[in-house]
């Protein structure tokens, strides 16, 4: 979220005092991320500096229980959320769920190039996460991969009747123009993803706990060079390719070619690059989800301020030569 939500800072600071026991907290909004349901703040208090997150809309307790679990497993690249005075890992703040964690200064993977050591840490952390036995109570909270066509249906319905206007603003009109221009490409993506989903349903493999959103914005590098994985709102039980698809997919900052990313990652992860059909499916599915989510945000509403043009840029980037759609096609074993 690039603009702060309509919530008084006094209420935020009251929550930090009452729920977490911080002395004289001062919160400053951080314009980070593309998720319009999530606002984040840097908090200074007598006790230290913290990262404060407000999650609107749906909230899964797994989003805080899982990083706490991974941290307790010794995976130091995961930042554990802090407990409230009542011993909980989150607090309520009006329509939001509030989570507090230690603040880690640094740059994300879009702003800082991962070096060999950081690639090794990334791979080792993901390997440990995928190998960790998921507690039964945590597993019950998590969605399980079912190769659902729900985003496909949203996009097909959008193409069928959602591009005629009237539009709330120029961003919405430009979004509709982009989708009309790329209609044949989008319909091909849907066909390819449907075909691969049918293939994968017939041969279910091992499911592991996947982060499921490992783009460069969720890789944080501190001033000392330590790497952290952040943002756990998309956790799911799925084949490991749900995470592995990001390696070489054009989503890790553009510092390296897809082949270079694979060469930097897999020697430390320690397995082959995963099932090609599953990798291709998840790359297609990621793009289809982007089309569904960004189109709903931009076409069906006029809200969002500065988030709107950024969302359109993210959506448009998928269709650029050599970017995510072209990379996904190259990964498709039946291409």
C-alpha atoms as a PDB file:
ATOM      1  CA  UNK A   1       0.000   0.000   0.000  1.00  0.00           C
ATOM      2  CA  UNK A   2       1.470   3.325  -1.095  1.00  0.00           C
ATOM      3  CA  UNK A   3      -0.932   5.634   0.750  1.00  0.00           C
ATOM      4  CA  UNK A   4      -1.831   5.302   4.450  1.00  0.00           C
ATOM      5  CA  UNK A   5      -5.272   3.951   5.295  1.00  0.00           C
ATOM      6  CA  UNK A   6      -7.881   6.169   6.892  1.00  0.00           C
ATOM      7  CA  UNK A   7      -7.017   5.306  10.480  1.00  0.00           C
ATOM      8  CA  UNK A   8      -5.942   7.827  13.072  1.00  0.00           C
ATOM      9  CA  UNK A   9      -2.332   7.536  14.234  1.00  0.00           C
ATOM     10  CA  UNK A  10      -3.542   8.003  17.806  1.00  0.00           C
ATOM     11  CA  UNK A  11      -5.491   4.728  17.518  1.00  0.00           C
ATOM     12  CA  UNK A  12      -2.406   2.938  16.201  1.00  0.00           C
ATOM     13  CA  UNK A  13      -0.284   4.231  19.049  1.00  0.00           C
ATOM     14  CA  UNK A  14      -2.974   3.339  21.602  1.00  0.00           C
ATOM     15  CA  UNK A  15      -2.922  -0.227  20.263  1.00  0.00           C
ATOM     16  CA  UNK A  16       0.851  -0.384  20.564  1.00  0.00           C
ATOM     17  CA  UNK A  17       0.679   0.831  24.164  1.00  0.00           C
ATOM     18  CA  UNK A  18      -2.296  -1.255  25.254  1.00  0.00           C
ATOM     19  CA  UNK A  19      -1.705  -4.507  23.379  1.00  0.00           C
ATOM     20  CA  UNK A  20       2.105  -4.593  23.312  1.00  0.00           C
ATOM     21  CA  UNK A  21       3.102  -2.458  26.272  1.00  0.00           C
ATOM     22  CA  UNK A  22       5.296  -0.085  24.289  1.00  0.00           C
ATOM     23  CA  UNK A  23       6.243   3.183  25.960  1.00  0.00           C
ATOM     24  CA  UNK A  24       5.563   6.396  24.006  1.00  0.00           C
ATOM     25  CA  UNK A  25       5.331   4.682  20.603  1.00  0.00           C
ATOM     26  CA  UNK A  26       5.547   6.808  17.457  1.00  0.00           C
ATOM     27  CA  UNK A  27       4.379   5.240  14.190  1.00  0.00           C
ATOM     28  CA  UNK A  28       5.449   6.325  10.704  1.00  0.00           C
ATOM     29  CA  UNK A  29       3.739   4.910   7.601  1.00  0.00           C
ATOM     30  CA  UNK A  30       5.964   3.092   5.088  1.00  0.00           C
ATOM     31  CA  UNK A  31       4.767   3.205   1.440  1.00  0.00           C
ATOM     32  CA  UNK A  32       5.629  -0.397   0.584  1.00  0.00           C
ATOM     33  CA  UNK A  33       4.104  -3.227  -1.407  1.00  0.00           C
ATOM     34  CA  UNK A  34       1.367  -3.778  -3.960  1.00  0.00           C
ATOM     35  CA  UNK A  35      -1.214  -5.235  -1.563  1.00  0.00           C
ATOM     36  CA  UNK A  36      -3.973  -2.674  -1.061  1.00  0.00           C
ATOM     37  CA  UNK A  37      -5.187  -4.582   2.019  1.00  0.00           C
ATOM     38  CA  UNK A  38      -1.914  -4.263   3.929  1.00  0.00           C
ATOM     39  CA  UNK A  39      -0.390  -1.150   5.524  1.00  0.00           C
ATOM     40  CA  UNK A  40       2.970  -1.181   7.320  1.00  0.00           C
ATOM     41  CA  UNK A  41       4.648   1.212   9.754  1.00  0.00           C
ATOM     42  CA  UNK A  42       7.991   1.811  11.394  1.00  0.00           C
ATOM     43  CA  UNK A  43       7.484   2.241  15.136  1.00  0.00           C
ATOM     44  CA  UNK A  44       9.920   3.851  17.566  1.00  0.00           C
ATOM     45  CA  UNK A  45       9.441   3.507  21.305  1.00  0.00           C
ATOM     46  CA  UNK A  46      11.477   3.518  24.486  1.00  0.00           C
ATOM     47  CA  UNK A  47      11.898  -0.262  24.078  1.00  0.00           C
ATOM     48  CA  UNK A  48      13.269  -0.197  20.528  1.00  0.00           C
ATOM     49  CA  UNK A  49      12.296  -0.036  16.854  1.00  0.00           C
ATOM     50  CA  UNK A  50       9.568  -2.262  15.425  1.00  0.00           C
ATOM     51  CA  UNK A  51       7.747  -3.204  12.240  1.00  0.00           C
ATOM     52  CA  UNK A  52       3.971  -2.864  12.605  1.00  0.00           C
ATOM     53  CA  UNK A  53       1.572  -4.375  10.083  1.00  0.00           C
ATOM     54  CA  UNK A  54      -2.145  -3.740   9.661  1.00  0.00           C
ATOM     55  CA  UNK A  55      -3.987  -6.351   7.623  1.00  0.00           C
ATOM     56  CA  UNK A  56      -7.449  -5.485   6.319  1.00  0.00           C
ATOM     57  CA  UNK A  57      -9.881  -7.978   4.837  1.00  0.00           C
ATOM     58  CA  UNK A  58      -9.247 -11.678   5.279  1.00  0.00           C
ATOM     59  CA  UNK A  59      -6.695 -12.690   7.902  1.00  0.00           C
ATOM     60  CA  UNK A  60      -5.391 -16.191   8.473  1.00  0.00           C
ATOM     61  CA  UNK A  61      -3.736 -16.928  11.835  1.00  0.00           C
ATOM     62  CA  UNK A  62      -1.340 -19.133   9.875  1.00  0.00           C
ATOM     63  CA  UNK A  63       0.273 -15.942   8.537  1.00  0.00           C
ATOM     64  CA  UNK A  64       1.791 -15.349  11.992  1.00  0.00           C
ATOM     65  CA  UNK A  65       1.853 -18.885  13.385  1.00  0.00           C
ATOM     66  CA  UNK A  66       3.942 -20.222  10.491  1.00  0.00           C
ATOM     67  CA  UNK A  67       6.808 -17.692  10.705  1.00  0.00           C
ATOM     68  CA  UNK A  68       6.864 -18.193  14.464  1.00  0.00           C
ATOM     69  CA  UNK A  69       7.082 -21.972  13.870  1.00  0.00           C
ATOM     70  CA  UNK A  70       9.864 -21.628  11.270  1.00  0.00           C
ATOM     71  CA  UNK A  71      11.837 -19.313  13.545  1.00  0.00           C
ATOM     72  CA  UNK A  72      11.539 -21.820  16.386  1.00  0.00           C
ATOM     73  CA  UNK A  73      12.833 -24.488  13.985  1.00  0.00           C
ATOM     74  CA  UNK A  74      16.051 -22.482  13.719  1.00  0.00           C
ATOM     75  CA  UNK A  75      15.440 -20.957  10.291  1.00  0.00           C
ATOM     76  CA  UNK A  76      17.041 -17.606  11.045  1.00  0.00           C
ATOM     77  CA  UNK A  77      15.968 -16.067   7.716  1.00  0.00           C
ATOM     78  CA  UNK A  78      12.415 -15.868   9.106  1.00  0.00           C
ATOM     79  CA  UNK A  79      11.478 -12.982  11.426  1.00  0.00           C
ATOM     80  CA  UNK A  80       9.161 -14.151  14.203  1.00  0.00           C
ATOM     81  CA  UNK A  81       6.237 -11.914  15.203  1.00  0.00           C
ATOM     82  CA  UNK A  82       6.175 -10.668  18.787  1.00  0.00           C
ATOM     83  CA  UNK A  83       3.551 -11.601  21.339  1.00  0.00           C
ATOM     84  CA  UNK A  84       1.096  -9.190  22.894  1.00  0.00           C
ATOM     85  CA  UNK A  85       0.927  -8.649  26.644  1.00  0.00           C
ATOM     86  CA  UNK A  86      -1.811 -11.320  26.636  1.00  0.00           C
ATOM     87  CA  UNK A  87       0.485 -13.802  24.896  1.00  0.00           C
ATOM     88  CA  UNK A  88      -1.171 -13.605  21.459  1.00  0.00           C
ATOM     89  CA  UNK A  89       0.631 -13.168  18.142  1.00  0.00           C
ATOM     90  CA  UNK A  90      -1.768 -10.537  16.832  1.00  0.00           C
ATOM     91  CA  UNK A  91      -4.179  -7.883  18.091  1.00  0.00           C
ATOM     92  CA  UNK A  92      -7.406  -6.345  16.803  1.00  0.00           C
ATOM     93  CA  UNK A  93      -7.498  -2.705  15.738  1.00  0.00           C
ATOM     94  CA  UNK A  94     -10.932  -1.827  14.409  1.00  0.00           C
ATOM     95  CA  UNK A  95     -11.367  -3.526  11.033  1.00  0.00           C
ATOM     96  CA  UNK A  96      -7.674  -4.485  10.964  1.00  0.00           C
ATOM     97  CA  UNK A  97      -5.546  -7.259  12.391  1.00  0.00           C
ATOM     98  CA  UNK A  98      -2.331  -5.889  13.876  1.00  0.00           C
ATOM     99  CA  UNK A  99       1.014  -7.715  14.000  1.00  0.00           C
ATOM    100  CA  UNK A 100       4.257  -6.460  15.557  1.00  0.00           C
ATOM    101  CA  UNK A 101       7.785  -7.702  14.775  1.00  0.00           C
ATOM    102  CA  UNK A 102      11.359  -6.511  15.205  1.00  0.00           C
ATOM    103  CA  UNK A 103      12.281  -3.903  12.613  1.00  0.00           C
ATOM    104  CA  UNK A 104      14.937  -4.979  10.117  1.00  0.00           C
ATOM    105  CA  UNK A 105      16.339  -2.087   8.108  1.00  0.00           C
ATOM    106  CA  UNK A 106      17.439  -2.872   4.601  1.00  0.00           C
ATOM    107  CA  UNK A 107      16.492  -3.172   0.960  1.00  0.00           C
ATOM    108  CA  UNK A 108      14.298  -5.613  -0.881  1.00  0.00           C
ATOM    109  CA  UNK A 109      15.372  -7.733  -3.823  1.00  0.00           C
ATOM    110  CA  UNK A 110      14.169  -5.134  -6.327  1.00  0.00           C
ATOM    111  CA  UNK A 111      16.602  -2.576  -4.903  1.00  0.00           C
ATOM    112  CA  UNK A 112      19.546  -4.785  -3.944  1.00  0.00           C
ATOM    113  CA  UNK A 113      21.238  -7.528  -5.971  1.00  0.00           C
ATOM    114  CA  UNK A 114      21.579 -10.843  -4.125  1.00  0.00           C
ATOM    115  CA  UNK A 115      25.153 -12.099  -4.005  1.00  0.00           C
ATOM    116  CA  UNK A 116      26.235 -15.762  -3.937  1.00  0.00           C
ATOM    117  CA  UNK A 117      26.064 -15.968  -0.140  1.00  0.00           C
ATOM    118  CA  UNK A 118      22.552 -14.517  -0.079  1.00  0.00           C
ATOM    119  CA  UNK A 119      21.413 -16.942  -2.790  1.00  0.00           C
ATOM    120  CA  UNK A 120      22.765 -19.772  -0.661  1.00  0.00           C
ATOM    121  CA  UNK A 121      20.840 -18.480   2.370  1.00  0.00           C
ATOM    122  CA  UNK A 122      17.670 -18.132   0.309  1.00  0.00           C
ATOM    123  CA  UNK A 123      17.975 -21.696  -0.984  1.00  0.00           C
ATOM    124  CA  UNK A 124      18.877 -23.145   2.429  1.00  0.00           C
ATOM    125  CA  UNK A 125      15.940 -21.405   4.115  1.00  0.00           C
ATOM    126  CA  UNK A 126      13.483 -22.649   1.497  1.00  0.00           C
ATOM    127  CA  UNK A 127      14.889 -26.179   1.693  1.00  0.00           C
ATOM    128  CA  UNK A 128      14.464 -26.177   5.500  1.00  0.00           C
ATOM    129  CA  UNK A 129      10.925 -24.812   5.219  1.00  0.00           C
ATOM    130  CA  UNK A 130       9.910 -27.458   2.715  1.00  0.00           C
ATOM    131  CA  UNK A 131      11.426 -30.208   4.885  1.00  0.00           C
ATOM    132  CA  UNK A 132       9.839 -29.043   8.155  1.00  0.00           C
ATOM    133  CA  UNK A 133       7.062 -31.313   9.490  1.00  0.00           C
ATOM    134  CA  UNK A 134       3.990 -29.088   9.608  1.00  0.00           C
ATOM    135  CA  UNK A 135       2.142 -29.245  12.961  1.00  0.00           C
ATOM    136  CA  UNK A 136      -1.344 -30.683  12.568  1.00  0.00           C
ATOM    137  CA  UNK A 137      -3.065 -27.612  14.032  1.00  0.00           C
ATOM    138  CA  UNK A 138      -1.199 -25.345  11.600  1.00  0.00           C
ATOM    139  CA  UNK A 139      -1.902 -27.602   8.621  1.00  0.00           C
ATOM    140  CA  UNK A 140      -5.638 -27.428   9.380  1.00  0.00           C
ATOM    141  CA  UNK A 141      -5.570 -23.643   8.937  1.00  0.00           C
ATOM    142  CA  UNK A 142      -3.847 -23.682   5.564  1.00  0.00           C
ATOM    143  CA  UNK A 143      -5.459 -23.800   2.148  1.00  0.00           C
ATOM    144  CA  UNK A 144      -4.509 -26.914   0.177  1.00  0.00           C
ATOM    145  CA  UNK A 145      -3.700 -26.831  -3.512  1.00  0.00           C
ATOM    146  CA  UNK A 146      -6.675 -28.076  -5.534  1.00  0.00           C
ATOM    147  CA  UNK A 147      -5.860 -26.555  -8.942  1.00  0.00           C
ATOM    148  CA  UNK A 148      -9.068 -24.570  -8.723  1.00  0.00           C
ATOM    149  CA  UNK A 149     -10.180 -22.646 -11.832  1.00  0.00           C
ATOM    150  CA  UNK A 150     -11.610 -19.776  -9.765  1.00  0.00           C
ATOM    151  CA  UNK A 151      -9.210 -17.142 -11.132  1.00  0.00           C
ATOM    152  CA  UNK A 152      -9.667 -18.501 -14.652  1.00  0.00           C
ATOM    153  CA  UNK A 153     -13.422 -18.037 -14.305  1.00  0.00           C
ATOM    154  CA  UNK A 154     -12.966 -14.468 -13.065  1.00  0.00           C
ATOM    155  CA  UNK A 155     -10.749 -13.568 -16.018  1.00  0.00           C
ATOM    156  CA  UNK A 156     -13.058 -15.229 -18.555  1.00  0.00           C
ATOM    157  CA  UNK A 157     -16.030 -13.348 -17.141  1.00  0.00           C
ATOM    158  CA  UNK A 158     -14.041 -10.126 -17.254  1.00  0.00           C
ATOM    159  CA  UNK A 159     -13.190 -10.679 -20.921  1.00  0.00           C
ATOM    160  CA  UNK A 160     -16.799 -11.559 -21.647  1.00  0.00           C
ATOM    161  CA  UNK A 161     -18.506  -8.504 -20.216  1.00  0.00           C
ATOM    162  CA  UNK A 162     -16.247  -6.269 -18.122  1.00  0.00           C
ATOM    163  CA  UNK A 163     -14.368  -4.061 -20.595  1.00  0.00           C
ATOM    164  CA  UNK A 164     -17.033  -1.748 -22.006  1.00  0.00           C
ATOM    165  CA  UNK A 165     -17.016   0.954 -19.342  1.00  0.00           C
ATOM    166  CA  UNK A 166     -17.939   3.496 -18.156  1.00  0.00           C
ATOM    167  CA  UNK A 167     -14.679   3.807 -16.236  1.00  0.00           C
ATOM    168  CA  UNK A 168     -13.910   5.596 -12.983  1.00  0.00           C
ATOM    169  CA  UNK A 169     -10.691   7.194 -14.259  1.00  0.00           C
ATOM    170  CA  UNK A 170      -7.997   7.112 -16.910  1.00  0.00           C
ATOM    171  CA  UNK A 171      -6.202   4.226 -15.164  1.00  0.00           C
ATOM    172  CA  UNK A 172      -9.310   2.051 -15.415  1.00  0.00           C
ATOM    173  CA  UNK A 173      -9.766   2.961 -19.079  1.00  0.00           C
ATOM    174  CA  UNK A 174      -6.111   2.167 -19.807  1.00  0.00           C
ATOM    175  CA  UNK A 175      -6.453  -1.169 -18.015  1.00  0.00           C
ATOM    176  CA  UNK A 176      -9.423  -2.107 -20.182  1.00  0.00           C
ATOM    177  CA  UNK A 177      -7.464  -1.139 -23.287  1.00  0.00           C
ATOM    178  CA  UNK A 178      -4.538  -3.318 -22.236  1.00  0.00           C
ATOM    179  CA  UNK A 179      -6.762  -6.343 -21.653  1.00  0.00           C
ATOM    180  CA  UNK A 180      -8.509  -5.902 -24.995  1.00  0.00           C
ATOM    181  CA  UNK A 181      -5.169  -5.544 -26.760  1.00  0.00           C
ATOM    182  CA  UNK A 182      -3.823  -8.684 -25.087  1.00  0.00           C
ATOM    183  CA  UNK A 183      -7.042 -10.705 -25.228  1.00  0.00           C
ATOM    184  CA  UNK A 184      -5.618 -13.462 -27.469  1.00  0.00           C
ATOM    185  CA  UNK A 185      -2.559 -13.827 -25.222  1.00  0.00           C
ATOM    186  CA  UNK A 186      -4.730 -14.058 -22.099  1.00  0.00           C
ATOM    187  CA  UNK A 187      -7.007 -16.668 -23.663  1.00  0.00           C
ATOM    188  CA  UNK A 188      -3.950 -18.734 -24.597  1.00  0.00           C
ATOM    189  CA  UNK A 189      -2.662 -18.509 -21.000  1.00  0.00           C
ATOM    190  CA  UNK A 190      -6.004 -19.786 -19.727  1.00  0.00           C
ATOM    191  CA  UNK A 191      -5.981 -22.732 -22.147  1.00  0.00           C
ATOM    192  CA  UNK A 192      -2.422 -23.688 -21.227  1.00  0.00           C
ATOM    193  CA  UNK A 193      -3.062 -23.433 -17.482  1.00  0.00           C
ATOM    194  CA  UNK A 194      -6.287 -25.456 -17.760  1.00  0.00           C
ATOM    195  CA  UNK A 195      -4.454 -28.211 -19.633  1.00  0.00           C
ATOM    196  CA  UNK A 196      -1.653 -28.415 -17.090  1.00  0.00           C
ATOM    197  CA  UNK A 197      -4.056 -28.291 -14.128  1.00  0.00           C
ATOM    198  CA  UNK A 198      -5.899 -31.324 -15.493  1.00  0.00           C
ATOM    199  CA  UNK A 199      -2.594 -33.151 -15.872  1.00  0.00           C
ATOM    200  CA  UNK A 200      -1.451 -32.313 -12.341  1.00  0.00           C
ATOM    201  CA  UNK A 201      -4.753 -33.312 -10.714  1.00  0.00           C
ATOM    202  CA  UNK A 202      -4.274 -36.830 -12.056  1.00  0.00           C
ATOM    203  CA  UNK A 203      -0.898 -37.288 -10.355  1.00  0.00           C
ATOM    204  CA  UNK A 204      -0.830 -35.554  -6.956  1.00  0.00           C
ATOM    205  CA  UNK A 205       2.607 -35.428  -5.383  1.00  0.00           C
ATOM    206  CA  UNK A 206       4.090 -34.548  -2.004  1.00  0.00           C
ATOM    207  CA  UNK A 207       2.674 -31.401  -0.439  1.00  0.00           C
ATOM    208  CA  UNK A 208       4.844 -29.074   1.664  1.00  0.00           C
ATOM    209  CA  UNK A 209       4.273 -25.734   3.356  1.00  0.00           C
ATOM    210  CA  UNK A 210       4.902 -23.100   0.672  1.00  0.00           C
ATOM    211  CA  UNK A 211       5.409 -19.373   1.111  1.00  0.00           C
ATOM    212  CA  UNK A 212       3.717 -18.972  -2.310  1.00  0.00           C
ATOM    213  CA  UNK A 213       4.745 -15.344  -2.952  1.00  0.00           C
ATOM    214  CA  UNK A 214       8.533 -15.323  -3.230  1.00  0.00           C
ATOM    215  CA  UNK A 215       9.004 -12.324  -5.506  1.00  0.00           C
ATOM    216  CA  UNK A 216      11.863  -9.888  -4.968  1.00  0.00           C
ATOM    217  CA  UNK A 217       9.763  -7.594  -2.794  1.00  0.00           C
ATOM    218  CA  UNK A 218       9.550 -10.321  -0.159  1.00  0.00           C
ATOM    219  CA  UNK A 219      13.309 -10.831   0.062  1.00  0.00           C
ATOM    220  CA  UNK A 220      14.857  -8.387   2.543  1.00  0.00           C
ATOM    221  CA  UNK A 221      18.605  -7.738   2.828  1.00  0.00           C
ATOM    222  CA  UNK A 222      19.834  -5.936   5.944  1.00  0.00           C
ATOM    223  CA  UNK A 223      22.842  -3.554   6.002  1.00  0.00           C
ATOM    224  CA  UNK A 224      25.096  -6.407   7.112  1.00  0.00           C
ATOM    225  CA  UNK A 225      24.060  -8.554   4.169  1.00  0.00           C
ATOM    226  CA  UNK A 226      21.789 -10.970   6.043  1.00  0.00           C
ATOM    227  CA  UNK A 227      18.774 -12.148   4.044  1.00  0.00           C
ATOM    228  CA  UNK A 228      15.215 -12.561   5.352  1.00  0.00           C
ATOM    229  CA  UNK A 229      11.991 -13.917   3.853  1.00  0.00           C
ATOM    230  CA  UNK A 230       8.974 -11.751   4.712  1.00  0.00           C
ATOM    231  CA  UNK A 231       5.189 -11.487   4.149  1.00  0.00           C
ATOM    232  CA  UNK A 232       3.397 -14.732   5.011  1.00  0.00           C
ATOM    233  CA  UNK A 233      -0.163 -13.896   3.917  1.00  0.00           C
ATOM    234  CA  UNK A 234      -0.218 -16.415   1.042  1.00  0.00           C
ATOM    235  CA  UNK A 235       0.909 -19.624   2.780  1.00  0.00           C
ATOM    236  CA  UNK A 236      -0.472 -22.840   1.323  1.00  0.00           C
ATOM    237  CA  UNK A 237       0.097 -26.592   1.302  1.00  0.00           C
ATOM    238  CA  UNK A 238       1.180 -27.455  -2.208  1.00  0.00           C
ATOM    239  CA  UNK A 239       3.870 -29.216  -4.239  1.00  0.00           C
ATOM    240  CA  UNK A 240       7.261 -27.577  -3.701  1.00  0.00           C
ATOM    241  CA  UNK A 241       7.086 -26.249  -7.275  1.00  0.00           C
ATOM    242  CA  UNK A 242       4.638 -23.666  -5.911  1.00  0.00           C
ATOM    243  CA  UNK A 243       7.728 -21.912  -4.529  1.00  0.00           C
ATOM    244  CA  UNK A 244      10.373 -23.212  -6.928  1.00  0.00           C
ATOM    245  CA  UNK A 245       8.576 -21.656  -9.883  1.00  0.00           C
ATOM    246  CA  UNK A 246       9.899 -18.245  -8.766  1.00  0.00           C
ATOM    247  CA  UNK A 247      13.499 -19.258  -9.486  1.00  0.00           C
ATOM    248  CA  UNK A 248      14.067 -18.098 -13.045  1.00  0.00           C
ATOM    249  CA  UNK A 249      10.527 -16.736 -13.535  1.00  0.00           C
ATOM    250  CA  UNK A 250      11.465 -13.071 -13.970  1.00  0.00           C
ATOM    251  CA  UNK A 251      10.125 -12.114 -10.533  1.00  0.00           C
ATOM    252  CA  UNK A 252      13.326 -11.800  -8.485  1.00  0.00           C
ATOM    253  CA  UNK A 253      14.454  -8.322  -9.441  1.00  0.00           C
ATOM    254  CA  UNK A 254      15.832  -8.817 -12.948  1.00  0.00           C
ATOM    255  CA  UNK A 255      19.457  -8.821 -11.807  1.00  0.00           C
ATOM    256  CA  UNK A 256      20.211 -12.181 -13.397  1.00  0.00           C
ATOM    257  CA  UNK A 257      18.929 -14.177 -16.358  1.00  0.00           C
ATOM    258  CA  UNK A 258      16.607 -17.115 -15.578  1.00  0.00           C
ATOM    259  CA  UNK A 259      19.463 -19.585 -16.149  1.00  0.00           C
ATOM    260  CA  UNK A 260      21.771 -17.615 -13.853  1.00  0.00           C
ATOM    261  CA  UNK A 261      19.154 -17.606 -11.075  1.00  0.00           C
ATOM    262  CA  UNK A 262      18.799 -21.389 -11.355  1.00  0.00           C
ATOM    263  CA  UNK A 263      22.582 -21.836 -11.278  1.00  0.00           C
ATOM    264  CA  UNK A 264      22.849 -19.669  -8.144  1.00  0.00           C
ATOM    265  CA  UNK A 265      19.958 -21.342  -6.288  1.00  0.00           C
ATOM    266  CA  UNK A 266      19.822 -25.066  -6.973  1.00  0.00           C
ATOM    267  CA  UNK A 267      23.310 -26.136  -5.811  1.00  0.00           C
ATOM    268  CA  UNK A 268      22.243 -24.994  -2.313  1.00  0.00           C
ATOM    269  CA  UNK A 269      18.636 -26.201  -2.438  1.00  0.00           C
ATOM    270  CA  UNK A 270      19.965 -29.623  -3.347  1.00  0.00           C
ATOM    271  CA  UNK A 271      17.431 -31.106  -5.761  1.00  0.00           C
ATOM    272  CA  UNK A 272      16.610 -30.999  -9.414  1.00  0.00           C
ATOM    273  CA  UNK A 273      14.561 -28.050 -10.603  1.00  0.00           C
ATOM    274  CA  UNK A 274      11.210 -29.695 -10.026  1.00  0.00           C
ATOM    275  CA  UNK A 275       8.538 -31.095 -12.293  1.00  0.00           C
ATOM    276  CA  UNK A 276       8.443 -29.000 -15.473  1.00  0.00           C
ATOM    277  CA  UNK A 277       4.669 -29.237 -15.866  1.00  0.00           C
ATOM    278  CA  UNK A 278       4.099 -28.017 -12.290  1.00  0.00           C
ATOM    279  CA  UNK A 279       6.592 -25.150 -12.665  1.00  0.00           C
ATOM    280  CA  UNK A 280       4.929 -24.020 -15.910  1.00  0.00           C
ATOM    281  CA  UNK A 281       1.456 -24.315 -14.389  1.00  0.00           C
ATOM    282  CA  UNK A 282       2.347 -22.164 -11.388  1.00  0.00           C
ATOM    283  CA  UNK A 283       3.967 -19.529 -13.586  1.00  0.00           C
ATOM    284  CA  UNK A 284       0.835 -19.321 -15.736  1.00  0.00           C
ATOM    285  CA  UNK A 285      -1.355 -19.312 -12.639  1.00  0.00           C
ATOM    286  CA  UNK A 286       0.590 -16.450 -11.067  1.00  0.00           C
ATOM    287  CA  UNK A 287       0.009 -14.310 -14.161  1.00  0.00           C
ATOM    288  CA  UNK A 288      -3.693 -15.219 -14.299  1.00  0.00           C
ATOM    289  CA  UNK A 289      -4.083 -14.299 -10.625  1.00  0.00           C
ATOM    290  CA  UNK A 290      -2.394 -10.958 -11.317  1.00  0.00           C
ATOM    291  CA  UNK A 291      -4.812 -10.277 -14.169  1.00  0.00           C
ATOM    292  CA  UNK A 292      -7.806 -11.165 -11.984  1.00  0.00           C
ATOM    293  CA  UNK A 293      -6.662  -9.209  -8.919  1.00  0.00           C
ATOM    294  CA  UNK A 294      -5.348  -6.086 -10.638  1.00  0.00           C
ATOM    295  CA  UNK A 295      -8.316  -5.922 -13.002  1.00  0.00           C
ATOM    296  CA  UNK A 296     -10.775  -6.131 -10.112  1.00  0.00           C
ATOM    297  CA  UNK A 297      -8.869  -3.408  -8.284  1.00  0.00           C
ATOM    298  CA  UNK A 298      -8.568  -1.103 -11.286  1.00  0.00           C
ATOM    299  CA  UNK A 299     -11.785  -1.670 -13.227  1.00  0.00           C
ATOM    300  CA  UNK A 300     -14.345  -2.192 -10.498  1.00  0.00           C
ATOM    301  CA  UNK A 301     -13.284   0.665  -8.244  1.00  0.00           C
ATOM    302  CA  UNK A 302     -11.844   4.150  -8.415  1.00  0.00           C
ATOM    303  CA  UNK A 303     -10.106   3.960  -5.039  1.00  0.00           C
ATOM    304  CA  UNK A 304      -6.434   3.427  -4.381  1.00  0.00           C
ATOM    305  CA  UNK A 305      -4.713   6.724  -5.105  1.00  0.00           C
ATOM    306  CA  UNK A 306      -1.064   6.198  -6.006  1.00  0.00           C
ATOM    307  CA  UNK A 307      -1.497   2.427  -5.773  1.00  0.00           C
ATOM    308  CA  UNK A 308      -3.542   2.461  -8.981  1.00  0.00           C
ATOM    309  CA  UNK A 309      -0.896   3.470 -11.549  1.00  0.00           C
ATOM    310  CA  UNK A 310       1.628   1.193  -9.857  1.00  0.00           C
ATOM    311  CA  UNK A 311      -0.795  -1.731 -10.089  1.00  0.00           C
ATOM    312  CA  UNK A 312      -1.281  -1.013 -13.789  1.00  0.00           C
ATOM    313  CA  UNK A 313       2.497  -0.993 -14.296  1.00  0.00           C
ATOM    314  CA  UNK A 314       2.764  -4.372 -12.583  1.00  0.00           C
ATOM    315  CA  UNK A 315      -0.037  -5.765 -14.736  1.00  0.00           C
ATOM    316  CA  UNK A 316       1.412  -4.397 -17.972  1.00  0.00           C
ATOM    317  CA  UNK A 317       4.896  -5.753 -17.242  1.00  0.00           C
ATOM    318  CA  UNK A 318       3.672  -9.342 -17.648  1.00  0.00           C
ATOM    319  CA  UNK A 319       3.086  -8.747 -21.376  1.00  0.00           C
ATOM    320  CA  UNK A 320       6.465  -7.200 -22.170  1.00  0.00           C
ATOM    321  CA  UNK A 321       8.840  -9.206 -24.436  1.00  0.00           C
ATOM    322  CA  UNK A 322      11.057 -11.554 -22.450  1.00  0.00           C
ATOM    323  CA  UNK A 323       9.063 -11.065 -19.244  1.00  0.00           C
ATOM    324  CA  UNK A 324       6.895 -13.433 -17.203  1.00  0.00           C
ATOM    325  CA  UNK A 325       4.580 -14.685 -19.966  1.00  0.00           C
ATOM    326  CA  UNK A 326       7.429 -15.489 -22.339  1.00  0.00           C
ATOM    327  CA  UNK A 327       9.381 -17.156 -19.508  1.00  0.00           C
ATOM    328  CA  UNK A 328       6.367 -19.265 -18.509  1.00  0.00           C
ATOM    329  CA  UNK A 329       5.916 -20.451 -22.111  1.00  0.00           C
ATOM    330  CA  UNK A 330       9.549 -21.506 -22.303  1.00  0.00           C
ATOM    331  CA  UNK A 331       9.086 -23.608 -19.154  1.00  0.00           C
ATOM    332  CA  UNK A 332       6.038 -25.417 -20.572  1.00  0.00           C
ATOM    333  CA  UNK A 333       7.098 -29.002 -21.489  1.00  0.00           C
ATOM    334  CA  UNK A 334       4.390 -29.141 -24.150  1.00  0.00           C
ATOM    335  CA  UNK A 335       5.210 -25.804 -25.756  1.00  0.00           C
END
